[in-house]
C-alpha atoms as a PDB file:
ATOM      1  CA  UNK A   1     245.652  80.599 151.974  1.00  0.00           C
ATOM      2  CA  UNK A   2     242.151  82.013 151.411  1.00  0.00           C
ATOM      3  CA  UNK A   3     241.458  83.733 148.108  1.00  0.00           C
ATOM      4  CA  UNK A   4     241.575  87.510 148.105  1.00  0.00           C
ATOM      5  CA  UNK A   5     239.780  89.833 145.728  1.00  0.00           C
ATOM      6  CA  UNK A   6     240.976  93.395 145.446  1.00  0.00           C
ATOM      7  CA  UNK A   7     238.892  95.709 143.269  1.00  0.00           C
ATOM      8  CA  UNK A   8     240.663  98.345 141.178  1.00  0.00           C
ATOM      9  CA  UNK A   9     238.611 101.512 140.790  1.00  0.00           C
ATOM     10  CA  UNK A  10     239.199 104.398 138.394  1.00  0.00           C
ATOM     11  CA  UNK A  11     238.647 107.988 139.484  1.00  0.00           C
ATOM     12  CA  UNK A  12     239.060 111.244 137.579  1.00  0.00           C
ATOM     13  CA  UNK A  13     240.774 112.709 140.660  1.00  0.00           C
ATOM     14  CA  UNK A  14     242.455 109.767 142.356  1.00  0.00           C
ATOM     15  CA  UNK A  15     244.099 111.755 145.141  1.00  0.00           C
ATOM     16  CA  UNK A  16     240.791 113.361 146.131  1.00  0.00           C
ATOM     17  CA  UNK A  17     239.092 109.959 145.965  1.00  0.00           C
ATOM     18  CA  UNK A  18     241.690 108.434 148.291  1.00  0.00           C
ATOM     19  CA  UNK A  19     241.261 111.260 150.771  1.00  0.00           C
ATOM     20  CA  UNK A  20     237.467 110.969 150.587  1.00  0.00           C
ATOM     21  CA  UNK A  21     237.465 107.175 151.086  1.00  0.00           C
ATOM     22  CA  UNK A  22     239.782 107.537 154.093  1.00  0.00           C
ATOM     23  CA  UNK A  23     237.614 110.221 155.686  1.00  0.00           C
ATOM     24  CA  UNK A  24     234.213 108.778 154.762  1.00  0.00           C
ATOM     25  CA  UNK A  25     234.682 105.026 155.178  1.00  0.00           C
ATOM     26  CA  UNK A  26     237.656 104.756 157.539  1.00  0.00           C
ATOM     27  CA  UNK A  27     240.151 103.244 155.085  1.00  0.00           C
ATOM     28  CA  UNK A  28     243.869 103.575 155.826  1.00  0.00           C
ATOM     29  CA  UNK A  29     246.323 104.667 153.164  1.00  0.00           C
ATOM     30  CA  UNK A  30     248.618 101.787 152.217  1.00  0.00           C
ATOM     31  CA  UNK A  31     250.350 103.233 149.152  1.00  0.00           C
ATOM     32  CA  UNK A  32     250.192 106.379 146.986  1.00  0.00           C
ATOM     33  CA  UNK A  33     252.276 106.639 143.805  1.00  0.00           C
ATOM     34  CA  UNK A  34     252.047 109.825 141.747  1.00  0.00           C
ATOM     35  CA  UNK A  35     253.392 110.772 138.332  1.00  0.00           C
ATOM     36  CA  UNK A  36     255.647 113.744 137.680  1.00  0.00           C
ATOM     37  CA  UNK A  37     252.586 115.806 136.709  1.00  0.00           C
ATOM     38  CA  UNK A  38     250.855 115.011 140.019  1.00  0.00           C
ATOM     39  CA  UNK A  39     248.340 112.416 138.771  1.00  0.00           C
ATOM     40  CA  UNK A  40     247.689 109.376 140.926  1.00  0.00           C
ATOM     41  CA  UNK A  41     249.301 106.455 139.085  1.00  0.00           C
ATOM     42  CA  UNK A  42     248.363 103.918 141.738  1.00  0.00           C
ATOM     43  CA  UNK A  43     246.874 103.998 145.206  1.00  0.00           C
ATOM     44  CA  UNK A  44     246.048 101.325 147.757  1.00  0.00           C
ATOM     45  CA  UNK A  45     243.742 101.607 150.723  1.00  0.00           C
ATOM     46  CA  UNK A  46     243.277  99.069 153.507  1.00  0.00           C
ATOM     47  CA  UNK A  47     240.338  98.215 155.684  1.00  0.00           C
ATOM     48  CA  UNK A  48     241.530  95.556 158.081  1.00  0.00           C
ATOM     49  CA  UNK A  49     243.332  92.993 155.920  1.00  0.00           C
ATOM     50  CA  UNK A  50     241.474  93.912 152.727  1.00  0.00           C
ATOM     51  CA  UNK A  51     242.821  96.165 149.978  1.00  0.00           C
ATOM     52  CA  UNK A  52     241.096  98.416 147.459  1.00  0.00           C
ATOM     53  CA  UNK A  53     243.291  99.697 144.637  1.00  0.00           C
ATOM     54  CA  UNK A  54     242.619 102.823 142.613  1.00  0.00           C
ATOM     55  CA  UNK A  55     244.079 105.116 140.019  1.00  0.00           C
ATOM     56  CA  UNK A  56     243.249 107.769 137.462  1.00  0.00           C
ATOM     57  CA  UNK A  57     242.013 106.539 134.103  1.00  0.00           C
ATOM     58  CA  UNK A  58     244.099 106.950 131.006  1.00  0.00           C
ATOM     59  CA  UNK A  59     242.829 106.984 127.462  1.00  0.00           C
ATOM     60  CA  UNK A  60     242.106 103.232 127.589  1.00  0.00           C
ATOM     61  CA  UNK A  61     240.068 103.387 130.829  1.00  0.00           C
ATOM     62  CA  UNK A  62     237.229 105.612 131.969  1.00  0.00           C
ATOM     63  CA  UNK A  63     235.618 106.189 135.317  1.00  0.00           C
ATOM     64  CA  UNK A  64     231.927 105.375 135.867  1.00  0.00           C
ATOM     65  CA  UNK A  65     231.199 109.110 135.833  1.00  0.00           C
ATOM     66  CA  UNK A  66     232.494 109.372 132.238  1.00  0.00           C
ATOM     67  CA  UNK A  67     230.939 106.219 130.834  1.00  0.00           C
ATOM     68  CA  UNK A  68     227.581 106.607 132.550  1.00  0.00           C
ATOM     69  CA  UNK A  69     227.837 103.266 134.362  1.00  0.00           C
ATOM     70  CA  UNK A  70     228.945 102.300 137.832  1.00  0.00           C
ATOM     71  CA  UNK A  71     230.941  99.701 139.670  1.00  0.00           C
ATOM     72  CA  UNK A  72     230.043  98.275 143.046  1.00  0.00           C
ATOM     73  CA  UNK A  73     232.305  97.224 145.881  1.00  0.00           C
ATOM     74  CA  UNK A  74     231.076  94.981 148.717  1.00  0.00           C
ATOM     75  CA  UNK A  75     233.014  95.208 151.981  1.00  0.00           C
ATOM     76  CA  UNK A  76     232.483  93.262 155.207  1.00  0.00           C
ATOM     77  CA  UNK A  77     233.080  95.215 158.431  1.00  0.00           C
ATOM     78  CA  UNK A  78     232.868  94.205 162.089  1.00  0.00           C
ATOM     79  CA  UNK A  79     230.153  96.694 163.089  1.00  0.00           C
ATOM     80  CA  UNK A  80     228.073  97.887 160.146  1.00  0.00           C
ATOM     81  CA  UNK A  81     225.932 100.242 162.229  1.00  0.00           C
ATOM     82  CA  UNK A  82     228.965 102.085 163.631  1.00  0.00           C
ATOM     83  CA  UNK A  83     230.484 102.198 160.132  1.00  0.00           C
ATOM     84  CA  UNK A  84     227.223 103.632 158.772  1.00  0.00           C
ATOM     85  CA  UNK A  85     227.114 106.330 161.460  1.00  0.00           C
ATOM     86  CA  UNK A  86     230.690 107.347 160.628  1.00  0.00           C
ATOM     87  CA  UNK A  87     229.930 107.521 156.878  1.00  0.00           C
ATOM     88  CA  UNK A  88     226.684 109.431 157.453  1.00  0.00           C
ATOM     89  CA  UNK A  89     228.451 111.959 159.706  1.00  0.00           C
ATOM     90  CA  UNK A  90     231.066 112.413 156.961  1.00  0.00           C
ATOM     91  CA  UNK A  91     228.337 113.454 154.536  1.00  0.00           C
ATOM     92  CA  UNK A  92     228.327 110.299 152.423  1.00  0.00           C
ATOM     93  CA  UNK A  93     225.398 109.859 150.021  1.00  0.00           C
ATOM     94  CA  UNK A  94     223.469 106.986 151.582  1.00  0.00           C
ATOM     95  CA  UNK A  95     221.416 104.853 149.201  1.00  0.00           C
ATOM     96  CA  UNK A  96     220.042 102.466 151.854  1.00  0.00           C
ATOM     97  CA  UNK A  97     220.350 102.564 155.642  1.00  0.00           C
ATOM     98  CA  UNK A  98     221.506  99.427 157.506  1.00  0.00           C
ATOM     99  CA  UNK A  99     218.983  96.694 156.851  1.00  0.00           C
ATOM    100  CA  UNK A 100     218.941  92.993 157.726  1.00  0.00           C
ATOM    101  CA  UNK A 101     219.067  90.943 154.519  1.00  0.00           C
ATOM    102  CA  UNK A 102     217.348  87.585 154.023  1.00  0.00           C
ATOM    103  CA  UNK A 103     220.719  85.974 153.230  1.00  0.00           C
ATOM    104  CA  UNK A 104     222.097  86.675 156.720  1.00  0.00           C
ATOM    105  CA  UNK A 105     223.891  90.009 156.368  1.00  0.00           C
ATOM    106  CA  UNK A 106     223.098  93.455 157.718  1.00  0.00           C
ATOM    107  CA  UNK A 107     224.025  95.952 154.982  1.00  0.00           C
ATOM    108  CA  UNK A 108     223.956  99.622 154.016  1.00  0.00           C
ATOM    109  CA  UNK A 109     224.554 101.093 150.574  1.00  0.00           C
ATOM    110  CA  UNK A 110     226.364 104.312 149.700  1.00  0.00           C
ATOM    111  CA  UNK A 111     227.649 106.144 146.647  1.00  0.00           C
ATOM    112  CA  UNK A 112     230.970 107.924 146.284  1.00  0.00           C
ATOM    113  CA  UNK A 113     231.428 111.266 144.489  1.00  0.00           C
ATOM    114  CA  UNK A 114     232.247 109.630 141.132  1.00  0.00           C
ATOM    115  CA  UNK A 115     229.351 107.172 141.077  1.00  0.00           C
ATOM    116  CA  UNK A 116     230.814 103.943 142.477  1.00  0.00           C
ATOM    117  CA  UNK A 117     228.360 101.988 144.630  1.00  0.00           C
ATOM    118  CA  UNK A 118     229.676 100.827 148.009  1.00  0.00           C
ATOM    119  CA  UNK A 119     227.970  98.057 149.988  1.00  0.00           C
ATOM    120  CA  UNK A 120     229.107  97.666 153.599  1.00  0.00           C
ATOM    121  CA  UNK A 121     227.877  94.608 155.453  1.00  0.00           C
ATOM    122  CA  UNK A 122     228.218  92.608 158.636  1.00  0.00           C
ATOM    123  CA  UNK A 123     227.622  88.874 158.656  1.00  0.00           C
ATOM    124  CA  UNK A 124     224.834  88.040 161.089  1.00  0.00           C
ATOM    125  CA  UNK A 125     224.520  84.348 160.168  1.00  0.00           C
ATOM    126  CA  UNK A 126     225.339  81.916 157.375  1.00  0.00           C
END
């Protein structure tokens, strides 16, 4: 079995973040668990076989927006240019358009509404 890495991201409004990630980047909702007061306790999104987990921070955790720092998530997709066009049409803040990288990937960079950096790439060669 190949190793899997699933990032866990914290958002001030987890439900809105899930909806945004689905609409902007084409994720599919895998799981959404909410508390009695309507907060997102835990959410899971899928892109192909990969999972991104997210939730709303409690007192012991803070989102990048609150702490003034960011987290980055790197995701491989089959067609980075088509993925970019979808994200751009959805109004995503694009940091870098698709560009061939010297290490063999074609990648674009985006930012979500709470400051997380997203890097979507397609392997061109190894």
